[in-house]
Amino acid sequence: MKKIISHILLVLCAGCFVSASKVPTCKCDGVDLHGKVKVVSYAADFKVKIVDYAADLKVKMVEYAPNDCGEWQFVQYAEDFTIQFVEYGEDFTIHFVEYAPGTR
């Protein structure tokens, strides 16, 4: 009986160790995470942290037509949303890529 209970607890707790993406649908707070992005120092729409692996969103920098999930065109004006780079307290994490942007 103890063995069955310990297996059940193990299965139930396994979810605690699996990191869920903060942006599974490529949206955050109802905003599509592609488009024209402006980097600001404060009062940003989103605080993002750059990581080397296990990012919530893989970002590809593009010069034109940022239409797919994770494609960002950095601009100075006429932005779709703003971001602030932070070390902690982020809304989601990003990793810059050359190919295959988007969520995991």
PDB file of N, CA and C in Angstrom:
ATOM      1  N   MET A   1       0.810  -1.196   0.000  1.00  0.00           N
ATOM      2  CA  MET A   1       0.000   0.000   0.000  1.00  0.00           C
ATOM      3  C   MET A   1       0.858   1.266   0.000  1.00  0.00           C
ATOM      4  N   LYS A   2       1.941   1.224   0.798  1.00  0.00           N
ATOM      5  CA  LYS A   2       2.833   2.376   0.849  1.00  0.00           C
ATOM      6  C   LYS A   2       3.465   2.640  -0.523  1.00  0.00           C
ATOM      7  N   LYS A   3       3.760   1.559  -1.231  1.00  0.00           N
ATOM      8  CA  LYS A   3       4.378   1.695  -2.539  1.00  0.00           C
ATOM      9  C   LYS A   3       3.425   2.364  -3.528  1.00  0.00           C
ATOM     10  N   ILE A   4       2.157   2.014  -3.484  1.00  0.00           N
ATOM     11  CA  ILE A   4       1.146   2.607  -4.376  1.00  0.00           C
ATOM     12  C   ILE A   4       0.984   4.089  -4.065  1.00  0.00           C
ATOM     13  N   ILE A   5       0.911   4.430  -2.805  1.00  0.00           N
ATOM     14  CA  ILE A   5       0.755   5.828  -2.399  1.00  0.00           C
ATOM     15  C   ILE A   5       1.986   6.637  -2.812  1.00  0.00           C
ATOM     16  N   SER A   6       3.173   6.074  -2.627  1.00  0.00           N
ATOM     17  CA  SER A   6       4.378   6.818  -3.011  1.00  0.00           C
ATOM     18  C   SER A   6       4.433   7.023  -4.525  1.00  0.00           C
ATOM     19  N   HIS A   7       3.966   6.067  -5.325  1.00  0.00           N
ATOM     20  CA  HIS A   7       3.924   6.233  -6.783  1.00  0.00           C
ATOM     21  C   HIS A   7       2.922   7.311  -7.181  1.00  0.00           C
ATOM     22  N   ILE A   8       1.788   7.320  -6.510  1.00  0.00           N
ATOM     23  CA  ILE A   8       0.771   8.338  -6.807  1.00  0.00           C
ATOM     24  C   ILE A   8       1.318   9.730  -6.471  1.00  0.00           C
ATOM     25  N   LEU A   9       1.953   9.866  -5.333  1.00  0.00           N
ATOM     26  CA  LEU A   9       2.542  11.156  -4.943  1.00  0.00           C
ATOM     27  C   LEU A   9       3.634  11.579  -5.916  1.00  0.00           C
ATOM     28  N   LEU A  10       4.420  10.628  -6.368  1.00  0.00           N
ATOM     29  CA  LEU A  10       5.480  10.932  -7.325  1.00  0.00           C
ATOM     30  C   LEU A  10       4.893  11.470  -8.631  1.00  0.00           C
ATOM     31  N   VAL A  11       3.848  10.849  -9.112  1.00  0.00           N
ATOM     32  CA  VAL A  11       3.196  11.301 -10.348  1.00  0.00           C
ATOM     33  C   VAL A  11       2.581  12.683 -10.155  1.00  0.00           C
ATOM     34  N   LEU A  12       1.936  12.909  -9.029  1.00  0.00           N
ATOM     35  CA  LEU A  12       1.315  14.204  -8.767  1.00  0.00           C
ATOM     36  C   LEU A  12       2.349  15.310  -8.629  1.00  0.00           C
ATOM     37  N   CYS A  13       3.483  15.016  -8.042  1.00  0.00           N
ATOM     38  CA  CYS A  13       4.520  16.023  -7.836  1.00  0.00           C
ATOM     39  C   CYS A  13       5.387  16.234  -9.068  1.00  0.00           C
ATOM     40  N   ALA A  14       5.339  15.336 -10.024  1.00  0.00           N
ATOM     41  CA  ALA A  14       6.168  15.480 -11.220  1.00  0.00           C
ATOM     42  C   ALA A  14       5.877  16.786 -11.933  1.00  0.00           C
ATOM     43  N   GLY A  15       4.647  17.235 -11.894  1.00  0.00           N
ATOM     44  CA  GLY A  15       4.282  18.497 -12.522  1.00  0.00           C
ATOM     45  C   GLY A  15       4.976  19.692 -11.898  1.00  0.00           C
ATOM     46  N   CYS A  16       5.388  19.555 -10.644  1.00  0.00           N
ATOM     47  CA  CYS A  16       6.085  20.646  -9.969  1.00  0.00           C
ATOM     48  C   CYS A  16       7.461  20.896 -10.576  1.00  0.00           C
ATOM     49  N   PHE A  17       8.051  19.869 -11.170  1.00  0.00           N
ATOM     50  CA  PHE A  17       9.400  19.988 -11.702  1.00  0.00           C
ATOM     51  C   PHE A  17       9.424  20.341 -13.179  1.00  0.00           C
ATOM     52  N   VAL A  18       8.281  20.336 -13.825  1.00  0.00           N
ATOM     53  CA  VAL A  18       8.199  20.674 -15.236  1.00  0.00           C
ATOM     54  C   VAL A  18       7.895  22.155 -15.357  1.00  0.00           C
ATOM     55  N   SER A  19       8.767  22.877 -16.041  1.00  0.00           N
ATOM     56  CA  SER A  19       8.591  24.314 -16.197  1.00  0.00           C
ATOM     57  C   SER A  19       7.634  24.594 -17.345  1.00  0.00           C
ATOM     58  N   ALA A  20       6.549  25.270 -17.070  1.00  0.00           N
ATOM     59  CA  ALA A  20       5.592  25.634 -18.099  1.00  0.00           C
ATOM     60  C   ALA A  20       5.959  26.998 -18.670  1.00  0.00           C
ATOM     61  N   SER A  21       5.824  27.128 -19.973  1.00  0.00           N
ATOM     62  CA  SER A  21       6.118  28.401 -20.623  1.00  0.00           C
ATOM     63  C   SER A  21       5.115  29.453 -20.178  1.00  0.00           C
ATOM     64  N   LYS A  22       5.590  30.667 -20.012  1.00  0.00           N
ATOM     65  CA  LYS A  22       4.711  31.770 -19.637  1.00  0.00           C
ATOM     66  C   LYS A  22       3.964  32.315 -20.850  1.00  0.00           C
ATOM     67  N   VAL A  23       4.361  31.875 -22.046  1.00  0.00           N
ATOM     68  CA  VAL A  23       3.722  32.363 -23.279  1.00  0.00           C
ATOM     69  C   VAL A  23       3.407  31.194 -24.222  1.00  0.00           C
ATOM     70  N   PRO A  24       2.613  30.224 -23.782  1.00  0.00           N
ATOM     71  CA  PRO A  24       2.386  29.034 -24.609  1.00  0.00           C
ATOM     72  C   PRO A  24       1.665  29.314 -25.934  1.00  0.00           C
ATOM     73  N   THR A  25       0.899  30.388 -26.005  1.00  0.00           N
ATOM     74  CA  THR A  25       0.149  30.692 -27.228  1.00  0.00           C
ATOM     75  C   THR A  25       0.761  31.858 -27.990  1.00  0.00           C
ATOM     76  N   CYS A  26       1.976  32.233 -27.652  1.00  0.00           N
ATOM     77  CA  CYS A  26       2.674  33.362 -28.268  1.00  0.00           C
ATOM     78  C   CYS A  26       1.953  34.681 -28.000  1.00  0.00           C
ATOM     79  N   LYS A  27       1.297  34.744 -26.857  1.00  0.00           N
ATOM     80  CA  LYS A  27       0.655  35.977 -26.400  1.00  0.00           C
ATOM     81  C   LYS A  27       0.989  36.170 -24.934  1.00  0.00           C
ATOM     82  N   CYS A  28       1.052  37.431 -24.545  1.00  0.00           N
ATOM     83  CA  CYS A  28       1.226  37.761 -23.139  1.00  0.00           C
ATOM     84  C   CYS A  28       0.284  38.922 -22.845  1.00  0.00           C
ATOM     85  N   ASP A  29      -0.575  38.742 -21.897  1.00  0.00           N
ATOM     86  CA  ASP A  29      -1.590  39.750 -21.553  1.00  0.00           C
ATOM     87  C   ASP A  29      -2.405  40.163 -22.776  1.00  0.00           C
ATOM     88  N   GLY A  30      -2.678  39.196 -23.648  1.00  0.00           N
ATOM     89  CA  GLY A  30      -3.488  39.458 -24.832  1.00  0.00           C
ATOM     90  C   GLY A  30      -2.759  40.100 -25.993  1.00  0.00           C
ATOM     91  N   VAL A  31      -1.447  40.333 -25.851  1.00  0.00           N
ATOM     92  CA  VAL A  31      -0.656  40.969 -26.912  1.00  0.00           C
ATOM     93  C   VAL A  31       0.113  39.889 -27.667  1.00  0.00           C
ATOM     94  N   ASP A  32      -0.011  39.878 -29.002  1.00  0.00           N
ATOM     95  CA  ASP A  32       0.759  38.954 -29.828  1.00  0.00           C
ATOM     96  C   ASP A  32       2.238  39.303 -29.713  1.00  0.00           C
ATOM     97  N   LEU A  33       3.062  38.291 -29.494  1.00  0.00           N
ATOM     98  CA  LEU A  33       4.488  38.527 -29.293  1.00  0.00           C
ATOM     99  C   LEU A  33       5.265  38.441 -30.599  1.00  0.00           C
ATOM    100  N   HIS A  34       4.808  39.205 -31.564  1.00  0.00           N
ATOM    101  CA  HIS A  34       5.539  39.436 -32.802  1.00  0.00           C
ATOM    102  C   HIS A  34       5.210  40.849 -33.233  1.00  0.00           C
ATOM    103  N   GLY A  35       6.087  41.424 -34.020  1.00  0.00           N
ATOM    104  CA  GLY A  35       5.816  42.770 -34.496  1.00  0.00           C
ATOM    105  C   GLY A  35       6.946  43.724 -34.208  1.00  0.00           C
ATOM    106  N   LYS A  36       6.589  45.009 -34.213  1.00  0.00           N
ATOM    107  CA  LYS A  36       7.563  46.076 -33.996  1.00  0.00           C
ATOM    108  C   LYS A  36       7.718  46.311 -32.501  1.00  0.00           C
ATOM    109  N   VAL A  37       8.972  46.301 -32.045  1.00  0.00           N
ATOM    110  CA  VAL A  37       9.274  46.345 -30.618  1.00  0.00           C
ATOM    111  C   VAL A  37      10.205  47.515 -30.337  1.00  0.00           C
ATOM    112  N   LYS A  38       9.874  48.260 -29.299  1.00  0.00           N
ATOM    113  CA  LYS A  38      10.740  49.351 -28.858  1.00  0.00           C
ATOM    114  C   LYS A  38      11.288  49.004 -27.479  1.00  0.00           C
ATOM    115  N   VAL A  39      12.603  49.174 -27.301  1.00  0.00           N
ATOM    116  CA  VAL A  39      13.245  48.936 -26.008  1.00  0.00           C
ATOM    117  C   VAL A  39      13.214  50.241 -25.221  1.00  0.00           C
ATOM    118  N   VAL A  40      12.712  50.179 -23.990  1.00  0.00           N
ATOM    119  CA  VAL A  40      12.633  51.353 -23.133  1.00  0.00           C
ATOM    120  C   VAL A  40      13.293  51.054 -21.792  1.00  0.00           C
ATOM    121  N   SER A  41      13.561  52.097 -21.030  1.00  0.00           N
ATOM    122  CA  SER A  41      14.214  51.942 -19.734  1.00  0.00           C
ATOM    123  C   SER A  41      13.240  51.745 -18.583  1.00  0.00           C
ATOM    124  N   TYR A  42      11.993  52.194 -18.769  1.00  0.00           N
ATOM    125  CA  TYR A  42      10.986  52.048 -17.726  1.00  0.00           C
ATOM    126  C   TYR A  42       9.604  52.118 -18.360  1.00  0.00           C
ATOM    127  N   ALA A  43       8.591  51.754 -17.605  1.00  0.00           N
ATOM    128  CA  ALA A  43       7.192  51.777 -18.044  1.00  0.00           C
ATOM    129  C   ALA A  43       6.970  50.972 -19.318  1.00  0.00           C
ATOM    130  N   ALA A  44       7.595  49.805 -19.399  1.00  0.00           N
ATOM    131  CA  ALA A  44       7.444  48.937 -20.570  1.00  0.00           C
ATOM    132  C   ALA A  44       6.170  48.111 -20.461  1.00  0.00           C
ATOM    133  N   ASP A  45       5.704  47.658 -21.613  1.00  0.00           N
ATOM    134  CA  ASP A  45       4.572  46.725 -21.623  1.00  0.00           C
ATOM    135  C   ASP A  45       4.986  45.399 -20.988  1.00  0.00           C
ATOM    136  N   PHE A  46       6.242  44.969 -21.285  1.00  0.00           N
ATOM    137  CA  PHE A  46       6.742  43.694 -20.763  1.00  0.00           C
ATOM    138  C   PHE A  46       8.179  43.834 -20.307  1.00  0.00           C
ATOM    139  N   LYS A  47       8.475  43.157 -19.197  1.00  0.00           N
ATOM    140  CA  LYS A  47       9.847  43.036 -18.725  1.00  0.00           C
ATOM    141  C   LYS A  47      10.336  41.667 -19.181  1.00  0.00           C
ATOM    142  N   VAL A  48      11.479  41.641 -19.885  1.00  0.00           N
ATOM    143  CA  VAL A  48      11.999  40.379 -20.408  1.00  0.00           C
ATOM    144  C   VAL A  48      13.423  40.159 -19.931  1.00  0.00           C
ATOM    145  N   LYS A  49      13.745  38.905 -19.749  1.00  0.00           N
ATOM    146  CA  LYS A  49      15.088  38.508 -19.350  1.00  0.00           C
ATOM    147  C   LYS A  49      15.670  37.651 -20.467  1.00  0.00           C
ATOM    148  N   ILE A  50      16.891  37.950 -20.868  1.00  0.00           N
ATOM    149  CA  ILE A  50      17.574  37.155 -21.887  1.00  0.00           C
ATOM    150  C   ILE A  50      18.248  35.974 -21.199  1.00  0.00           C
ATOM    151  N   VAL A  51      17.993  34.775 -21.707  1.00  0.00           N
ATOM    152  CA  VAL A  51      18.590  33.555 -21.160  1.00  0.00           C
ATOM    153  C   VAL A  51      19.261  32.777 -22.287  1.00  0.00           C
ATOM    154  N   ASP A  52      20.111  31.827 -21.907  1.00  0.00           N
ATOM    155  CA  ASP A  52      20.820  31.022 -22.896  1.00  0.00           C
ATOM    156  C   ASP A  52      20.058  29.760 -23.298  1.00  0.00           C
ATOM    157  N   TYR A  53      19.170  29.288 -22.450  1.00  0.00           N
ATOM    158  CA  TYR A  53      18.409  28.074 -22.761  1.00  0.00           C
ATOM    159  C   TYR A  53      17.103  28.062 -21.975  1.00  0.00           C
ATOM    160  N   ALA A  54      16.190  27.223 -22.386  1.00  0.00           N
ATOM    161  CA  ALA A  54      14.883  27.063 -21.735  1.00  0.00           C
ATOM    162  C   ALA A  54      14.109  28.382 -21.662  1.00  0.00           C
ATOM    163  N   ALA A  55      14.133  29.141 -22.736  1.00  0.00           N
ATOM    164  CA  ALA A  55      13.413  30.419 -22.780  1.00  0.00           C
ATOM    165  C   ALA A  55      11.931  30.178 -23.022  1.00  0.00           C
ATOM    166  N   ASP A  56      11.114  31.109 -22.560  1.00  0.00           N
ATOM    167  CA  ASP A  56       9.688  31.059 -22.841  1.00  0.00           C
ATOM    168  C   ASP A  56       9.414  31.360 -24.316  1.00  0.00           C
ATOM    169  N   LEU A  57      10.259  32.210 -24.920  1.00  0.00           N
ATOM    170  CA  LEU A  57      10.070  32.622 -26.311  1.00  0.00           C
ATOM    171  C   LEU A  57      11.421  32.741 -27.000  1.00  0.00           C
ATOM    172  N   LYS A  58      11.534  32.095 -28.172  1.00  0.00           N
ATOM    173  CA  LYS A  58      12.725  32.254 -28.999  1.00  0.00           C
ATOM    174  C   LYS A  58      12.450  33.405 -29.962  1.00  0.00           C
ATOM    175  N   VAL A  59      13.347  34.400 -29.980  1.00  0.00           N
ATOM    176  CA  VAL A  59      13.140  35.623 -30.746  1.00  0.00           C
ATOM    177  C   VAL A  59      14.131  35.702 -31.901  1.00  0.00           C
ATOM    178  N   LYS A  60      13.603  35.977 -33.089  1.00  0.00           N
ATOM    179  CA  LYS A  60      14.430  36.221 -34.269  1.00  0.00           C
ATOM    180  C   LYS A  60      14.276  37.687 -34.637  1.00  0.00           C
ATOM    181  N   MET A  61      15.384  38.405 -34.725  1.00  0.00           N
ATOM    182  CA  MET A  61      15.341  39.803 -35.141  1.00  0.00           C
ATOM    183  C   MET A  61      15.209  39.852 -36.662  1.00  0.00           C
ATOM    184  N   VAL A  62      14.226  40.606 -37.142  1.00  0.00           N
ATOM    185  CA  VAL A  62      14.015  40.755 -38.580  1.00  0.00           C
ATOM    186  C   VAL A  62      13.992  42.238 -38.923  1.00  0.00           C
ATOM    187  N   GLU A  63      14.238  42.542 -40.192  1.00  0.00           N
ATOM    188  CA  GLU A  63      14.222  43.935 -40.625  1.00  0.00           C
ATOM    189  C   GLU A  63      12.883  44.343 -41.208  1.00  0.00           C
ATOM    190  N   TYR A  64      12.139  43.369 -41.712  1.00  0.00           N
ATOM    191  CA  TYR A  64      10.841  43.657 -42.322  1.00  0.00           C
ATOM    192  C   TYR A  64       9.848  42.555 -41.998  1.00  0.00           C
ATOM    193  N   ALA A  65       8.580  42.894 -42.015  1.00  0.00           N
ATOM    194  CA  ALA A  65       7.463  41.945 -41.899  1.00  0.00           C
ATOM    195  C   ALA A  65       7.587  40.967 -40.735  1.00  0.00           C
ATOM    196  N   PRO A  66       7.559  41.463 -39.504  1.00  0.00           N
ATOM    197  CA  PRO A  66       7.601  40.576 -38.342  1.00  0.00           C
ATOM    198  C   PRO A  66       6.212  39.979 -38.072  1.00  0.00           C
ATOM    199  N   ASN A  67       5.815  39.008 -38.877  1.00  0.00           N
ATOM    200  CA  ASN A  67       4.449  38.491 -38.830  1.00  0.00           C
ATOM    201  C   ASN A  67       4.283  37.176 -38.091  1.00  0.00           C
ATOM    202  N   ASP A  68       5.358  36.455 -37.849  1.00  0.00           N
ATOM    203  CA  ASP A  68       5.251  35.152 -37.199  1.00  0.00           C
ATOM    204  C   ASP A  68       5.678  35.237 -35.738  1.00  0.00           C
ATOM    205  N   CYS A  69       5.198  34.297 -34.963  1.00  0.00           N
ATOM    206  CA  CYS A  69       5.498  34.241 -33.535  1.00  0.00           C
ATOM    207  C   CYS A  69       6.994  34.349 -33.284  1.00  0.00           C
ATOM    208  N   GLY A  70       7.398  35.296 -32.449  1.00  0.00           N
ATOM    209  CA  GLY A  70       8.791  35.462 -32.073  1.00  0.00           C
ATOM    210  C   GLY A  70       9.617  36.302 -33.022  1.00  0.00           C
ATOM    211  N   GLU A  71       9.031  36.774 -34.112  1.00  0.00           N
ATOM    212  CA  GLU A  71       9.765  37.660 -35.013  1.00  0.00           C
ATOM    213  C   GLU A  71       9.592  39.089 -34.523  1.00  0.00           C
ATOM    214  N   TRP A  72      10.713  39.739 -34.207  1.00  0.00           N
ATOM    215  CA  TRP A  72      10.688  41.101 -33.681  1.00  0.00           C
ATOM    216  C   TRP A  72      11.496  42.020 -34.575  1.00  0.00           C
ATOM    217  N   GLN A  73      10.910  43.169 -34.894  1.00  0.00           N
ATOM    218  CA  GLN A  73      11.616  44.229 -35.595  1.00  0.00           C
ATOM    219  C   GLN A  73      11.795  45.362 -34.586  1.00  0.00           C
ATOM    220  N   PHE A  74      13.045  45.670 -34.249  1.00  0.00           N
ATOM    221  CA  PHE A  74      13.295  46.721 -33.270  1.00  0.00           C
ATOM    222  C   PHE A  74      13.197  48.076 -33.942  1.00  0.00           C
ATOM    223  N   VAL A  75      12.392  48.966 -33.345  1.00  0.00           N
ATOM    224  CA  VAL A  75      12.111  50.284 -33.914  1.00  0.00           C
ATOM    225  C   VAL A  75      12.235  51.354 -32.831  1.00  0.00           C
ATOM    226  N   GLN A  76      12.267  52.619 -33.262  1.00  0.00           N
ATOM    227  CA  GLN A  76      12.301  53.750 -32.343  1.00  0.00           C
ATOM    228  C   GLN A  76      10.925  54.388 -32.161  1.00  0.00           C
ATOM    229  N   TYR A  77      10.015  54.137 -33.097  1.00  0.00           N
ATOM    230  CA  TYR A  77       8.664  54.696 -33.012  1.00  0.00           C
ATOM    231  C   TYR A  77       7.698  53.770 -33.745  1.00  0.00           C
ATOM    232  N   ALA A  78       6.414  53.997 -33.555  1.00  0.00           N
ATOM    233  CA  ALA A  78       5.339  53.198 -34.154  1.00  0.00           C
ATOM    234  C   ALA A  78       5.431  51.722 -33.758  1.00  0.00           C
ATOM    235  N   GLU A  79       5.740  51.493 -32.486  1.00  0.00           N
ATOM    236  CA  GLU A  79       5.905  50.130 -31.994  1.00  0.00           C
ATOM    237  C   GLU A  79       4.546  49.471 -31.723  1.00  0.00           C
ATOM    238  N   ASP A  80       4.543  48.131 -31.757  1.00  0.00           N
ATOM    239  CA  ASP A  80       3.374  47.361 -31.357  1.00  0.00           C
ATOM    240  C   ASP A  80       3.356  47.159 -29.838  1.00  0.00           C
ATOM    241  N   PHE A  81       4.550  47.026 -29.255  1.00  0.00           N
ATOM    242  CA  PHE A  81       4.681  46.931 -27.800  1.00  0.00           C
ATOM    243  C   PHE A  81       6.101  47.313 -27.404  1.00  0.00           C
ATOM    244  N   THR A  82       6.268  47.584 -26.114  1.00  0.00           N
ATOM    245  CA  THR A  82       7.582  47.973 -25.592  1.00  0.00           C
ATOM    246  C   THR A  82       8.089  46.898 -24.637  1.00  0.00           C
ATOM    247  N   ILE A  83       9.419  46.805 -24.552  1.00  0.00           N
ATOM    248  CA  ILE A  83      10.033  45.874 -23.606  1.00  0.00           C
ATOM    249  C   ILE A  83      11.117  46.592 -22.815  1.00  0.00           C
ATOM    250  N   GLN A  84      11.385  46.029 -21.659  1.00  0.00           N
ATOM    251  CA  GLN A  84      12.494  46.484 -20.823  1.00  0.00           C
ATOM    252  C   GLN A  84      13.299  45.245 -20.476  1.00  0.00           C
ATOM    253  N   PHE A  85      14.606  45.272 -20.701  1.00  0.00           N
ATOM    254  CA  PHE A  85      15.457  44.155 -20.337  1.00  0.00           C
ATOM    255  C   PHE A  85      15.742  44.213 -18.846  1.00  0.00           C
ATOM    256  N   VAL A  86      15.525  43.101 -18.150  1.00  0.00           N
ATOM    257  CA  VAL A  86      15.725  43.031 -16.701  1.00  0.00           C
ATOM    258  C   VAL A  86      16.501  41.763 -16.353  1.00  0.00           C
ATOM    259  N   GLU A  87      17.035  41.732 -15.153  1.00  0.00           N
ATOM    260  CA  GLU A  87      17.730  40.547 -14.645  1.00  0.00           C
ATOM    261  C   GLU A  87      16.819  39.693 -13.767  1.00  0.00           C
ATOM    262  N   TYR A  88      15.783  40.302 -13.207  1.00  0.00           N
ATOM    263  CA  TYR A  88      14.829  39.564 -12.374  1.00  0.00           C
ATOM    264  C   TYR A  88      13.482  40.262 -12.453  1.00  0.00           C
ATOM    265  N   GLY A  89      12.436  39.564 -12.062  1.00  0.00           N
ATOM    266  CA  GLY A  89      11.094  40.134 -12.097  1.00  0.00           C
ATOM    267  C   GLY A  89      10.512  40.201 -13.498  1.00  0.00           C
ATOM    268  N   GLU A  90      10.954  39.303 -14.372  1.00  0.00           N
ATOM    269  CA  GLU A  90      10.527  39.329 -15.759  1.00  0.00           C
ATOM    270  C   GLU A  90       9.102  38.790 -15.946  1.00  0.00           C
ATOM    271  N   ASP A  91       8.470  39.264 -17.015  1.00  0.00           N
ATOM    272  CA  ASP A  91       7.183  38.706 -17.417  1.00  0.00           C
ATOM    273  C   ASP A  91       7.387  37.396 -18.169  1.00  0.00           C
ATOM    274  N   PHE A  92       8.452  37.336 -18.955  1.00  0.00           N
ATOM    275  CA  PHE A  92       8.834  36.099 -19.636  1.00  0.00           C
ATOM    276  C   PHE A  92      10.303  36.194 -20.045  1.00  0.00           C
ATOM    277  N   THR A  93      10.883  35.042 -20.394  1.00  0.00           N
ATOM    278  CA  THR A  93      12.284  34.989 -20.809  1.00  0.00           C
ATOM    279  C   THR A  93      12.368  34.817 -22.317  1.00  0.00           C
ATOM    280  N   ILE A  94      13.480  35.316 -22.899  1.00  0.00           N
ATOM    281  CA  ILE A  94      13.691  35.183 -24.339  1.00  0.00           C
ATOM    282  C   ILE A  94      15.095  34.668 -24.614  1.00  0.00           C
ATOM    283  N   HIS A  95      15.241  34.073 -25.783  1.00  0.00           N
ATOM    284  CA  HIS A  95      16.538  33.645 -26.285  1.00  0.00           C
ATOM    285  C   HIS A  95      16.582  34.046 -27.752  1.00  0.00           C
ATOM    286  N   PHE A  96      17.622  34.793 -28.153  1.00  0.00           N
ATOM    287  CA  PHE A  96      17.734  35.223 -29.537  1.00  0.00           C
ATOM    288  C   PHE A  96      18.238  34.063 -30.397  1.00  0.00           C
ATOM    289  N   VAL A  97      17.571  33.851 -31.536  1.00  0.00           N
ATOM    290  CA  VAL A  97      17.916  32.767 -32.452  1.00  0.00           C
ATOM    291  C   VAL A  97      18.008  33.296 -33.874  1.00  0.00           C
ATOM    292  N   GLU A  98      18.657  32.533 -34.730  1.00  0.00           N
ATOM    293  CA  GLU A  98      18.738  32.853 -36.150  1.00  0.00           C
ATOM    294  C   GLU A  98      17.607  32.162 -36.926  1.00  0.00           C
ATOM    295  N   TYR A  99      17.188  31.001 -36.430  1.00  0.00           N
ATOM    296  CA  TYR A  99      16.166  30.186 -37.095  1.00  0.00           C
ATOM    297  C   TYR A  99      15.145  29.705 -36.077  1.00  0.00           C
ATOM    298  N   ALA A 100      13.971  29.390 -36.559  1.00  0.00           N
ATOM    299  CA  ALA A 100      12.906  28.765 -35.754  1.00  0.00           C
ATOM    300  C   ALA A 100      12.521  29.585 -34.522  1.00  0.00           C
ATOM    301  N   PRO A 101      12.055  30.814 -34.703  1.00  0.00           N
ATOM    302  CA  PRO A 101      11.568  31.578 -33.556  1.00  0.00           C
ATOM    303  C   PRO A 101      10.223  31.024 -33.072  1.00  0.00           C
ATOM    304  N   GLY A 102       9.820  31.441 -31.907  1.00  0.00           N
ATOM    305  CA  GLY A 102       8.521  31.044 -31.371  1.00  0.00           C
ATOM    306  C   GLY A 102       8.633  30.419 -30.011  1.00  0.00           C
ATOM    307  N   THR A 103       7.563  29.751 -29.615  1.00  0.00           N
ATOM    308  CA  THR A 103       7.548  29.074 -28.315  1.00  0.00           C
ATOM    309  C   THR A 103       8.169  27.708 -28.476  1.00  0.00           C
ATOM    310  N   ARG A 104       8.422  27.059 -27.377  1.00  0.00           N
ATOM    311  CA  ARG A 104       9.106  25.767 -27.404  1.00  0.00           C
ATOM    312  C   ARG A 104       8.491  24.811 -28.332  1.00  0.00           C
TER     313      ARG A 104
END
